[in-house]
Amino acid sequence: MYYYEVLVGDLQYHGKSALTYSSESTLLPGSVVRIALRSRSVLGIVLREVMEPSFSAKSISAIAPAPPLLVNC
């Protein structure tokens, strides 16, 4: 299992930091993904791979079939 910080692309998310999600696939920074945010499904952008968190991370539900976006952090 891999873990990623994902920037949430949704106007109803008011947090200032990325959230951690899990995936069985390796992903590149800039990959566009679909994630669960409360009871909704929203888009996000993978920032980076991170260590396994101390909490149970939700799974990334889908990966866009497109090349990763350029992410400069």
Protein backbone atom coordinates (compact mmCIF):
# COMPACT_ATOMS: atom_id res chain seq x y z
CA MET A 1 0.00 0.00 0.00
CA TYR A 2 1.18 3.50 -0.86
CA TYR A 3 0.19 6.76 0.84
CA TYR A 4 -0.05 10.18 -0.75
CA GLU A 5 -0.71 13.78 0.21
CA VAL A 6 -3.50 15.01 -2.05
CA LEU A 7 -4.55 18.61 -2.63
CA VAL A 8 -8.34 18.74 -2.55
CA GLY A 9 -9.90 20.48 -5.55
CA ASP A 10 -13.24 21.45 -4.07
CA LEU A 11 -14.63 24.82 -2.98
CA GLN A 12 -16.42 23.27 0.01
CA TYR A 13 -13.10 22.12 1.52
CA HIS A 14 -11.84 24.94 3.72
CA GLY A 15 -8.70 23.26 5.04
CA LYS A 16 -5.31 24.74 4.24
CA SER A 17 -3.34 21.53 3.98
CA ALA A 18 -3.30 18.42 1.83
CA LEU A 19 -5.04 15.26 3.03
CA THR A 20 -3.55 11.77 3.12
CA TYR A 21 -5.07 8.98 1.01
CA SER A 22 -3.97 5.44 0.17
CA SER A 23 -3.57 3.62 -3.13
CA GLU A 24 -2.51 0.16 -4.20
CA SER A 25 -0.83 1.76 -7.24
CA THR A 26 2.28 3.90 -7.38
CA LEU A 27 1.39 7.43 -8.45
CA LEU A 28 3.45 10.33 -9.69
CA PRO A 29 3.19 13.82 -8.23
CA GLY A 30 0.67 15.77 -10.28
CA SER A 31 -1.59 12.78 -10.90
CA VAL A 32 -5.26 13.77 -10.94
CA VAL A 33 -7.33 11.48 -8.73
CA ARG A 34 -10.87 11.08 -7.44
CA ILE A 35 -11.16 10.98 -3.66
CA ALA A 36 -13.91 10.75 -1.05
CA LEU A 37 -14.46 13.91 0.96
CA ARG A 38 -17.13 13.30 3.56
CA SER A 39 -20.11 11.99 1.59
CA ARG A 40 -18.99 13.36 -1.78
CA SER A 41 -16.55 12.36 -4.47
CA VAL A 42 -14.17 15.16 -5.56
CA LEU A 43 -11.04 15.63 -7.62
CA GLY A 44 -7.60 16.07 -6.16
CA ILE A 45 -3.97 16.32 -7.22
CA VAL A 46 -1.25 14.10 -5.77
CA LEU A 47 1.51 16.17 -4.16
CA ARG A 48 3.90 13.50 -2.92
CA GLU A 49 4.23 10.03 -1.45
CA VAL A 50 4.34 9.95 2.36
CA MET A 51 4.96 7.41 5.11
CA GLU A 52 2.07 5.32 6.38
CA PRO A 53 0.02 7.53 8.72
CA SER A 54 -0.97 6.60 12.25
CA PHE A 55 -4.64 6.79 11.22
CA SER A 56 -6.72 4.84 8.72
CA ALA A 57 -6.45 6.63 5.36
CA LYS A 58 -9.28 6.53 2.84
CA SER A 59 -8.50 5.02 -0.56
CA ILE A 60 -8.10 6.94 -3.78
CA SER A 61 -11.11 5.78 -5.78
CA ALA A 62 -9.92 6.55 -9.33
CA ILE A 63 -6.92 7.83 -11.26
CA ALA A 64 -7.38 10.06 -14.31
CA PRO A 65 -6.08 8.44 -17.54
CA ALA A 66 -3.94 11.47 -18.34
CA PRO A 67 -0.32 12.43 -17.79
CA PRO A 68 0.45 14.04 -14.41
CA LEU A 69 0.25 17.82 -14.11
CA LEU A 70 3.44 19.70 -13.34
CA VAL A 71 3.54 20.25 -9.58
CA ASN A 72 6.09 22.64 -8.14
CA CYS A 73 6.14 22.51 -4.33
